[in-house]
Structure formats: C-alpha cells, structure tokens
Protein backbone atom coordinates (compact mmCIF):
# COMPACT_ATOMS: atom_id res chain seq x y z
CA MET A 1 193.01 -185.75 0.05
CA SER A 2 196.27 -184.88 -2.03
CA GLN A 3 198.31 -181.42 -2.05
CA ILE A 4 198.65 -180.27 -5.42
CA LYS A 5 201.83 -177.80 -6.29
CA PRO A 6 200.72 -175.70 -9.63
CA MET A 7 203.53 -175.01 -11.86
CA GLY A 8 205.27 -171.94 -11.94
CA LEU A 9 203.18 -169.90 -14.65
CA VAL A 10 199.66 -170.19 -12.32
CA GLU A 11 201.16 -169.80 -9.08
CA SER A 12 202.16 -166.47 -9.49
CA MET A 13 198.86 -165.58 -11.58
CA SER A 14 195.74 -163.96 -10.30
CA GLY A 15 192.54 -162.90 -12.17
CA LYS A 16 191.56 -164.29 -15.59
CA ILE A 17 193.88 -165.94 -17.99
CA CYS A 18 192.64 -163.85 -21.25
CA GLY A 19 189.68 -162.00 -21.93
CA HIS A 20 187.50 -164.84 -23.50
CA SER A 21 188.61 -167.08 -20.74
CA ASP A 22 185.70 -167.64 -17.67
CA MET A 23 188.53 -169.50 -15.34
CA TYR A 24 190.23 -167.25 -12.47
CA PHE A 25 193.13 -167.78 -10.54
CA PHE A 26 193.96 -166.23 -7.17
CA GLN A 27 196.38 -166.50 -4.28
CA LYS A 28 195.78 -166.15 -0.39
CA ASN A 29 197.85 -167.04 2.00
CA GLY A 30 200.50 -168.96 0.01
CA LYS A 31 197.67 -171.23 -1.90
CA VAL A 32 196.76 -171.19 -5.06
CA PHE A 33 192.28 -171.69 -5.57
CA SER A 34 191.04 -171.56 -8.91
CA GLY A 35 187.17 -170.78 -9.96
CA LYS A 36 184.90 -171.39 -13.19
CA ARG A 37 181.70 -169.29 -13.86
CA CYS A 38 179.99 -171.96 -14.76
CA TYR A 39 176.39 -170.00 -16.12
CA PRO A 40 176.76 -166.43 -16.67
CA SER A 41 173.69 -164.21 -17.30
CA THR A 42 172.54 -163.74 -20.18
CA LYS A 43 169.81 -160.89 -18.96
CA GLU A 44 169.78 -157.55 -19.48
CA PRO A 45 171.07 -155.99 -15.67
CA THR A 46 168.45 -154.41 -13.58
CA ASP A 47 167.91 -151.25 -12.02
CA ALA A 48 169.14 -152.55 -8.55
CA GLN A 49 171.92 -154.28 -10.07
CA LEU A 50 172.87 -151.20 -12.27
CA ALA A 51 173.06 -149.19 -9.21
CA VAL A 52 175.32 -151.71 -7.54
CA GLN A 53 178.17 -151.89 -10.23
CA ASN A 54 177.78 -147.58 -10.39
CA LYS A 55 178.76 -147.89 -6.81
CA PHE A 56 181.31 -150.33 -7.36
CA LYS A 57 183.23 -148.21 -9.88
CA THR A 58 182.35 -144.82 -7.82
CA ALA A 59 184.04 -146.40 -5.18
CA GLN A 60 187.15 -147.68 -7.43
CA ALA A 61 187.46 -144.18 -8.74
CA ASN A 62 187.68 -142.80 -5.19
CA ALA A 63 190.18 -145.37 -3.96
CA LYS A 64 192.99 -144.76 -6.86
CA THR A 65 192.38 -140.77 -6.22
CA ALA A 66 193.04 -141.29 -2.65
CA LEU A 67 195.80 -143.39 -3.01
CA ALA A 68 197.47 -140.79 -5.97
CA ASP A 69 197.41 -138.30 -3.12
CA PRO A 70 200.40 -138.54 -1.35
CA GLU A 71 198.30 -136.90 1.98
CA GLN A 72 195.49 -139.30 1.98
CA ARG A 73 197.77 -142.27 0.88
CA ALA A 74 200.29 -141.79 4.44
CA VAL A 75 196.86 -141.88 6.40
CA TYR A 76 195.04 -145.17 4.72
CA GLU A 77 199.00 -146.87 5.50
CA ALA A 78 199.03 -145.77 8.75
CA ALA A 79 194.98 -147.31 9.46
CA PHE A 80 196.21 -150.16 6.87
CA LYS A 81 198.98 -150.92 8.88
CA ALA A 82 197.45 -150.98 12.57
CA GLN A 83 194.06 -153.99 11.01
CA LYS A 84 194.26 -157.25 9.77
CA LYS A 85 191.11 -158.12 7.92
CA TYR A 86 192.80 -156.98 4.58
CA TYR A 87 195.32 -158.20 2.83
CA SER A 88 196.51 -155.39 0.84
CA LEU A 89 196.85 -151.72 1.08
CA TYR A 90 194.30 -151.02 -2.14
CA GLY A 91 191.68 -153.52 -0.98
CA TYR A 92 191.47 -151.72 2.21
CA VAL A 93 191.03 -148.51 0.55
CA PHE A 94 188.06 -149.81 -1.86
CA ALA A 95 186.39 -151.09 1.31
CA GLN A 96 186.71 -147.74 3.13
CA GLU A 97 185.70 -145.87 -0.04
CA TYR A 98 183.03 -148.33 -0.66
CA LYS A 99 181.86 -147.56 2.84
CA LYS A 100 181.42 -144.05 2.37
CA LEU A 101 178.80 -144.65 -0.39
CA ASN A 102 176.44 -146.21 1.93
C-alpha cells in the first residue's frame, strides 16, 4: 500500500469543503483522513433524534459559555492538561458538558 502526501491546501483543512459538499477532511496525529456521506437520510427526524440534537446543542452552548468565563476556563485547562484522551481543549470541555446532561 502506498503513502499519499496531500497537497498543502488539504493538509491544513478540516471539516467540509463547502456547504454543499458531502466530503469531509480532518487531521489526527499528523495524518489526513477523508470521508463522504453516502446515503444521508431523507426522512423527518424522530423524537429521539431531535432529543439528541437538542442535547448536543445545549452541550455546545454550555461549552462555549464555560470557555468564555476565565475562572471556568482555568479549571478546565488544568484538567485538560492532566488527561490524554482528548486532543483539544474544546473537545474536552464539550465532552464534560455533554456528560452533565445525562
């Protein structure tokens, strides 16, 4: 199997290429990965799916609020540095806020 070196533009990219694209890129440990949504759902979301979406939105809002507050941010930064599971401070804070909603 051969190794592929992506062009400079893709090397620093993460997320979707544009709002209409179904192709995603992300980097982890210096490697670039891509993926594609092949069969997006065309059905209306169920009540359970809407509940999960609302929980995600709430956790996201709580994480942004926590990072905006200097005192909470300092506490989360100390805890983030002491762990090895999460790669970004925001990812760690989001996970902690999401756990609180269970």
